[in-house]
Amino acid sequence: MKGALFDLDGVLIDSETLYTGFWENIDKLYPTGIPNFAIKIKGTTLDMIFRHFPDADVQADILRRLNRFQQEMRFEMYPYAEDFLRRLRAAGIPIALVTSSDEKKMDSLFAQLPTLRDYFDAIIHAGLITHSKPHPEPYLKGAQAIGISPDECCVFEDSLQGLAAGRASGAKVVALATTYPADRLADLADMVVSDFKDLDISRL
């Protein structure tokens, strides 16, 4: 591995349970008719999610609720995540953050965790991509931004959409079993781990 590409929620930040609850409530308020809607949209951008809510007034209401939700959210990193980023930095490996979150959320995140930004050589957020995960574009742009060929990068992901995007980009994929059980992820990744505690960089 010469480059590392990280998803955010469910990988570095322990927020997936909170988002699941938020979107479950939205689905109750504005029913989509899609079973497990809150799970199926994980890893996708808001533009993609809004395709399920074509009414402009509904979109505006959801956006207001989402902005308020994210402003009030307390961002907490998973145990060992920052240590792993620190180890990658010490090894001289360039790192990109590749997230489906928008720039406003990134501002809130870095306001709460200002030192987190320093670990990343590039940040690819929803406003910089045309095609959401599972399309490979986000990870292709992440690899390009750090100047490393995708096939020499390792993607760290938790969502099914994100794992598919990582695979399609040509990168190696490490799945974090934070959102789904390990056996659900085994066929979608080159490696499945529960956390970063004992992840040896030399194995990647």
Protein backbone atom coordinates (compact mmCIF):
# COMPACT_ATOMS: atom_id res chain seq x y z
CA MET A 1 0.00 0.00 0.00
CA LYS A 2 1.33 3.39 -1.05
CA GLY A 3 -1.82 5.42 -0.35
CA ALA A 4 -4.73 5.21 2.09
CA LEU A 5 -8.31 6.27 1.31
CA PHE A 6 -10.71 6.54 4.24
CA ASP A 7 -14.47 6.76 4.43
CA LEU A 8 -15.64 8.81 7.43
CA ASP A 9 -18.84 7.63 9.12
CA GLY A 10 -18.62 4.10 10.42
CA VAL A 11 -14.87 4.01 9.78
CA LEU A 12 -13.25 6.90 11.63
CA ILE A 13 -16.30 8.46 13.26
CA ASP A 14 -18.78 6.50 15.37
CA SER A 15 -21.95 8.01 13.92
CA GLU A 16 -23.73 5.36 11.88
CA THR A 17 -26.19 4.45 14.63
CA LEU A 18 -27.18 8.10 14.94
CA TYR A 19 -27.67 8.46 11.18
CA THR A 20 -29.67 5.25 11.01
CA GLY A 21 -32.05 6.64 13.62
CA PHE A 22 -32.32 9.96 11.78
CA TRP A 23 -33.21 8.37 8.43
CA GLU A 24 -35.58 5.88 10.03
CA ASN A 25 -37.49 8.85 11.44
CA ILE A 26 -37.49 10.58 8.06
CA ASP A 27 -38.85 7.41 6.45
CA LYS A 28 -41.66 7.38 9.00
CA LEU A 29 -42.42 11.04 8.34
CA TYR A 30 -42.18 10.70 4.55
CA PRO A 31 -42.58 6.98 3.79
CA THR A 32 -40.54 5.70 0.86
CA GLY A 33 -41.93 2.16 0.89
CA ILE A 34 -38.36 0.84 0.74
CA PRO A 35 -37.62 -1.89 3.32
CA ASN A 36 -34.63 -1.01 5.55
CA PHE A 37 -34.38 2.38 3.83
CA ALA A 38 -31.98 3.82 6.42
CA ILE A 39 -29.56 0.94 5.84
CA LYS A 40 -29.80 0.86 2.05
CA ILE A 41 -28.82 4.51 1.62
CA LYS A 42 -25.64 4.24 3.69
CA GLY A 43 -22.62 5.56 1.84
CA THR A 44 -24.61 7.62 -0.68
CA THR A 45 -24.77 11.39 -1.10
CA LEU A 46 -27.73 13.54 -0.16
CA ASP A 47 -28.47 14.12 -3.86
CA MET A 48 -28.86 10.38 -4.29
CA ILE A 49 -31.06 10.13 -1.19
CA PHE A 50 -33.27 12.98 -2.43
CA ARG A 51 -34.19 10.91 -5.48
CA HIS A 52 -36.50 9.05 -3.10
CA PHE A 53 -38.12 12.36 -2.09
CA PRO A 54 -38.90 14.21 -5.35
CA ASP A 55 -41.08 16.89 -3.75
CA ALA A 56 -39.06 20.12 -3.34
CA ASP A 57 -40.83 21.11 -0.12
CA VAL A 58 -40.10 17.70 1.39
CA GLN A 59 -36.45 18.00 0.39
CA ALA A 60 -36.25 21.43 1.99
CA ASP A 61 -37.75 20.13 5.22
CA ILE A 62 -35.40 17.13 5.31
CA LEU A 63 -32.42 19.41 4.69
CA ARG A 64 -33.43 21.68 7.57
CA ARG A 65 -33.79 18.68 9.86
CA LEU A 66 -30.47 17.20 8.69
CA ASN A 67 -28.57 20.47 9.18
CA ARG A 68 -29.97 20.83 12.69
CA PHE A 69 -29.18 17.18 13.44
CA GLN A 70 -25.58 17.53 12.27
CA GLN A 71 -25.07 20.83 14.09
CA GLU A 72 -26.12 19.15 17.33
CA MET A 73 -24.22 15.91 16.68
CA ARG A 74 -21.19 15.19 18.82
CA PHE A 75 -18.50 13.59 16.65
CA GLU A 76 -16.49 10.88 18.36
CA MET A 77 -13.68 8.94 16.78
CA TYR A 78 -13.57 5.17 17.10
CA PRO A 79 -10.96 3.84 19.51
CA TYR A 80 -7.61 3.24 17.77
CA ALA A 81 -8.65 5.20 14.63
CA GLU A 82 -6.47 8.21 15.36
CA ASP A 83 -3.58 6.00 16.38
CA PHE A 84 -3.80 4.23 13.01
CA LEU A 85 -3.83 7.55 11.16
CA ARG A 86 -0.80 8.58 13.19
CA ARG A 87 1.01 5.36 12.26
CA LEU A 88 0.26 5.89 8.56
CA ARG A 89 1.64 9.41 8.83
CA ALA A 90 4.80 8.13 10.51
CA ALA A 91 5.22 5.60 7.67
CA GLY A 92 5.02 8.42 5.10
CA ILE A 93 1.83 7.13 3.47
CA PRO A 94 -0.39 9.84 1.94
CA ILE A 95 -4.00 9.81 3.17
CA ALA A 96 -7.24 11.03 1.64
CA LEU A 97 -10.63 11.31 3.30
CA VAL A 98 -13.33 10.24 0.85
CA THR A 99 -16.82 10.87 2.18
CA SER A 100 -20.38 11.24 0.91
CA SER A 101 -20.90 13.99 3.49
CA ASP A 102 -21.24 17.59 2.37
CA GLU A 103 -18.92 20.51 3.06
CA LYS A 104 -21.16 21.91 5.81
CA LYS A 105 -20.82 18.70 7.78
CA MET A 106 -17.07 18.75 7.24
CA ASP A 107 -16.96 22.23 8.75
CA SER A 108 -18.86 20.98 11.82
CA LEU A 109 -16.60 17.94 12.10
CA PHE A 110 -13.36 19.92 12.00
CA ALA A 111 -14.73 22.56 14.34
CA GLN A 112 -15.19 19.82 16.94
CA LEU A 113 -12.06 17.83 16.04
CA PRO A 114 -9.65 20.43 14.60
CA THR A 115 -6.56 18.21 14.69
CA LEU A 116 -8.24 15.54 12.55
CA ARG A 117 -7.84 17.62 9.40
CA ASP A 118 -4.04 17.51 9.76
CA TYR A 119 -3.92 13.78 9.00
CA PHE A 120 -5.30 14.18 5.48
CA ASP A 121 -3.42 15.24 2.36
CA ALA A 122 -6.75 15.56 0.51
CA ILE A 123 -10.44 15.64 1.36
CA ILE A 124 -13.03 14.51 -1.18
CA HIS A 125 -16.56 15.41 -0.09
CA ALA A 126 -19.97 15.22 -1.78
CA GLY A 127 -19.58 18.64 -3.39
CA LEU A 128 -16.57 17.46 -5.37
CA ILE A 129 -18.08 14.40 -7.03
CA THR A 130 -20.65 13.78 -9.73
CA HIS A 131 -21.35 10.10 -9.10
CA SER A 132 -22.02 8.80 -5.59
CA LYS A 133 -20.78 5.51 -4.19
CA PRO A 134 -21.08 2.68 -5.35
CA HIS A 135 -19.63 4.43 -8.40
CA PRO A 136 -15.82 4.40 -8.17
CA GLU A 137 -15.48 8.14 -8.87
CA PRO A 138 -15.04 9.21 -5.21
CA TYR A 139 -12.14 6.83 -4.65
CA LEU A 140 -10.61 7.49 -8.05
CA LYS A 141 -10.60 11.19 -7.20
CA GLY A 142 -9.17 10.43 -3.77
CA ALA A 143 -6.29 8.46 -5.29
CA GLN A 144 -5.67 11.18 -7.88
CA ALA A 145 -5.65 13.87 -5.19
CA ILE A 146 -2.82 12.16 -3.31
CA GLY A 147 -0.95 11.26 -6.51
CA ILE A 148 -1.10 7.49 -6.05
CA SER A 149 -2.44 4.95 -8.55
CA PRO A 150 -5.70 3.41 -7.28
CA ASP A 151 -4.26 -0.11 -7.51
CA GLU A 152 -1.57 0.96 -5.04
CA CYS A 153 -4.12 2.34 -2.57
CA CYS A 154 -6.09 0.75 0.22
CA VAL A 155 -9.69 1.77 0.86
CA PHE A 156 -11.13 1.61 4.38
CA GLU A 157 -14.92 1.30 4.34
CA ASP A 158 -17.91 0.02 6.31
CA SER A 159 -20.91 0.40 3.95
CA LEU A 160 -21.88 -1.93 1.13
CA GLN A 161 -22.01 1.02 -1.28
CA GLY A 162 -18.57 2.15 -0.21
CA LEU A 163 -17.02 -1.29 -0.44
CA ALA A 164 -18.39 -1.64 -3.97
CA ALA A 165 -16.94 1.77 -4.87
CA GLY A 166 -13.55 0.81 -3.49
CA ARG A 167 -13.49 -2.47 -5.38
CA ALA A 168 -14.58 -0.79 -8.61
CA SER A 169 -11.78 1.75 -8.29
CA GLY A 170 -9.20 -1.03 -8.42
CA ALA A 171 -7.94 -0.46 -4.86
CA LYS A 172 -7.51 -3.05 -2.17
CA VAL A 173 -10.40 -2.89 0.29
CA VAL A 174 -10.43 -3.28 4.07
CA ALA A 175 -13.90 -3.57 5.57
CA LEU A 176 -14.64 -2.31 9.08
CA ALA A 177 -17.29 -4.48 10.74
CA THR A 178 -18.93 -1.55 12.50
CA THR A 179 -22.16 -1.25 10.52
CA TYR A 180 -22.53 -4.81 9.22
CA PRO A 181 -21.39 -8.14 10.71
CA ALA A 182 -18.09 -9.50 9.44
CA ASP A 183 -19.66 -12.43 7.58
CA ARG A 184 -21.77 -9.99 5.54
CA LEU A 185 -18.61 -8.20 4.40
CA ALA A 186 -16.25 -11.12 3.80
CA ASP A 187 -16.96 -11.47 0.07
CA LEU A 188 -16.85 -7.71 -0.53
CA ALA A 189 -13.38 -6.96 0.82
CA ASP A 190 -9.81 -8.20 0.80
CA MET A 191 -9.74 -8.06 4.59
CA VAL A 192 -12.33 -7.59 7.35
CA VAL A 193 -11.38 -6.12 10.73
CA SER A 194 -13.37 -5.06 13.77
CA ASP A 195 -11.15 -2.03 14.45
CA PHE A 196 -7.70 -0.58 13.76
CA LYS A 197 -6.08 -1.79 16.98
CA ASP A 198 -3.96 -4.62 15.64
CA LEU A 199 -3.95 -3.72 11.94
CA ASP A 200 -0.38 -4.04 10.74
CA ILE A 201 0.47 -1.53 8.00
CA SER A 202 3.00 -3.94 6.54
CA ARG A 203 0.18 -6.41 5.81
CA LEU A 204 -1.45 -3.87 3.52
